[in-house]
C-alpha atoms as a PDB file:
ATOM      1  CA  MET A   1      62.717 103.963  87.046  1.00  0.00           C
ATOM      2  CA  MET A   2      60.780 102.348  84.228  1.00  0.00           C
ATOM      3  CA  GLU A   3      60.947 103.676  80.689  1.00  0.00           C
ATOM      4  CA  LEU A   4      57.391 104.325  79.456  1.00  0.00           C
ATOM      5  CA  VAL A   5      56.706 105.264  75.837  1.00  0.00           C
ATOM      6  CA  LEU A   6      53.213 105.614  74.401  1.00  0.00           C
ATOM      7  CA  TYR A   7      52.901 105.095  70.653  1.00  0.00           C
ATOM      8  CA  MET A   8      49.807 106.889  69.398  1.00  0.00           C
ATOM      9  CA  PHE A   9      48.405 109.327  66.852  1.00  0.00           C
ATOM     10  CA  ASP A  10      46.173 112.361  67.306  1.00  0.00           C
ATOM     11  CA  GLY A  11      43.030 111.158  65.534  1.00  0.00           C
ATOM     12  CA  CYS A  12      42.798 107.822  67.362  1.00  0.00           C
ATOM     13  CA  PRO A  13      39.888 107.706  69.866  1.00  0.00           C
ATOM     14  CA  PHE A  14      41.482 104.856  71.824  1.00  0.00           C
ATOM     15  CA  CYS A  15      44.707 106.859  72.094  1.00  0.00           C
ATOM     16  CA  ARG A  16      42.727 109.859  73.365  1.00  0.00           C
ATOM     17  CA  LYS A  17      41.151 107.618  76.023  1.00  0.00           C
ATOM     18  CA  VAL A  18      44.603 106.574  77.286  1.00  0.00           C
ATOM     19  CA  ILE A  19      45.934 110.134  77.117  1.00  0.00           C
ATOM     20  CA  ARG A  20      42.944 111.386  79.155  1.00  0.00           C
ATOM     21  CA  GLU A  21      43.836 108.843  81.851  1.00  0.00           C
ATOM     22  CA  ILE A  22      47.498 109.918  81.799  1.00  0.00           C
ATOM     23  CA  GLU A  23      46.453 113.567  82.136  1.00  0.00           C
ATOM     24  CA  ALA A  24      43.927 112.778  84.908  1.00  0.00           C
ATOM     25  CA  GLU A  25      46.659 111.028  86.880  1.00  0.00           C
ATOM     26  CA  GLY A  26      49.019 113.949  86.296  1.00  0.00           C
ATOM     27  CA  ARG A  27      51.730 111.626  85.011  1.00  0.00           C
ATOM     28  CA  ASP A  28      54.855 113.147  83.531  1.00  0.00           C
ATOM     29  CA  ASP A  29      56.883 109.962  83.188  1.00  0.00           C
ATOM     30  CA  ILE A  30      55.567 108.900  79.776  1.00  0.00           C
ATOM     31  CA  LYS A  31      57.094 109.864  76.439  1.00  0.00           C
ATOM     32  CA  PHE A  32      54.638 110.265  73.562  1.00  0.00           C
ATOM     33  CA  CYS A  33      55.506 109.095  70.044  1.00  0.00           C
ATOM     34  CA  ASP A  34      53.063 110.063  67.289  1.00  0.00           C
ATOM     35  CA  ILE A  35      53.448 107.457  64.537  1.00  0.00           C
ATOM     36  CA  HIS A  36      51.820 109.762  61.967  1.00  0.00           C
ATOM     37  CA  LYS A  37      54.394 112.485  62.615  1.00  0.00           C
ATOM     38  CA  SER A  38      57.522 110.324  62.868  1.00  0.00           C
ATOM     39  CA  GLU A  39      58.343 107.549  60.418  1.00  0.00           C
ATOM     40  CA  GLU A  40      61.133 106.434  62.777  1.00  0.00           C
ATOM     41  CA  ASP A  41      58.617 105.975  65.611  1.00  0.00           C
ATOM     42  CA  ARG A  42      56.235 104.081  63.308  1.00  0.00           C
ATOM     43  CA  ARG A  43      59.032 101.750  62.196  1.00  0.00           C
ATOM     44  CA  ARG A  44      60.108 101.109  65.815  1.00  0.00           C
ATOM     45  CA  LEU A  45      56.528 100.271  66.830  1.00  0.00           C
ATOM     46  CA  ILE A  46      56.269  97.726  64.005  1.00  0.00           C
ATOM     47  CA  SER A  47      59.775  96.381  64.563  1.00  0.00           C
ATOM     48  CA  VAL A  48      59.339  95.759  68.291  1.00  0.00           C
ATOM     49  CA  GLY A  49      55.609  95.077  68.507  1.00  0.00           C
ATOM     50  CA  GLY A  50      55.175  93.313  65.196  1.00  0.00           C
ATOM     51  CA  LYS A  51      52.210  95.438  64.123  1.00  0.00           C
ATOM     52  CA  GLU A  52      51.120  99.013  63.533  1.00  0.00           C
ATOM     53  CA  GLN A  53      48.509  99.131  66.282  1.00  0.00           C
ATOM     54  CA  VAL A  54      47.966 102.035  68.642  1.00  0.00           C
ATOM     55  CA  PRO A  55      47.743 102.842  71.412  1.00  0.00           C
ATOM     56  CA  CYS A  56      50.729 100.825  72.471  1.00  0.00           C
ATOM     57  CA  LEU A  57      52.586 101.456  75.707  1.00  0.00           C
ATOM     58  CA  PHE A  58      56.175 100.241  75.728  1.00  0.00           C
ATOM     59  CA  ILE A  59      57.111  99.338  79.297  1.00  0.00           C
ATOM     60  CA  ASP A  60      60.896  99.026  79.409  1.00  0.00           C
ATOM     61  CA  GLY A  61      60.733  98.093  75.714  1.00  0.00           C
ATOM     62  CA  ASN A  62      57.902  95.555  76.035  1.00  0.00           C
ATOM     63  CA  PRO A  63      54.685  96.428  74.163  1.00  0.00           C
ATOM     64  CA  LEU A  64      51.273  96.500  75.823  1.00  0.00           C
ATOM     65  CA  TYR A  65      48.259  96.940  73.542  1.00  0.00           C
ATOM     66  CA  GLU A  66      44.557  97.703  74.066  1.00  0.00           C
ATOM     67  CA  SER A  67      43.492 100.946  75.712  1.00  0.00           C
ATOM     68  CA  ASP A  68      41.698  99.261  78.638  1.00  0.00           C
ATOM     69  CA  ASP A  69      44.741  97.081  79.392  1.00  0.00           C
ATOM     70  CA  ILE A  70      47.022 100.122  79.241  1.00  0.00           C
ATOM     71  CA  ILE A  71      44.735 102.097  81.573  1.00  0.00           C
ATOM     72  CA  SER A  72      44.588  99.170  84.022  1.00  0.00           C
ATOM     73  CA  TRP A  73      48.382  98.913  83.998  1.00  0.00           C
ATOM     74  CA  LEU A  74      48.754 102.671  84.550  1.00  0.00           C
ATOM     75  CA  ARG A  75      46.349 102.571  87.517  1.00  0.00           C
ATOM     76  CA  ASP A  76      48.186  99.600  89.031  1.00  0.00           C
ATOM     77  CA  ASN A  77      51.604 101.237  88.541  1.00  0.00           C
ATOM     78  CA  ARG A  78      51.189 104.813  89.716  1.00  0.00           C
END
């Protein structure tokens, strides 16, 4: 099974868009990491992805950016 981790923060409208899709699909296989609540999560996002941009879905440790790209990936990988 793939490891899926969504890096996000509460006030981000693009993050909310992705989270709405996750909720609509009823997915429970995605871990959420709020980079404004965890400095460790923020550092990991920057360390692996090279930038502090959210939303970012880590798919088995590989970052995928852009809310529309993340939603497309989620729909293709249900």
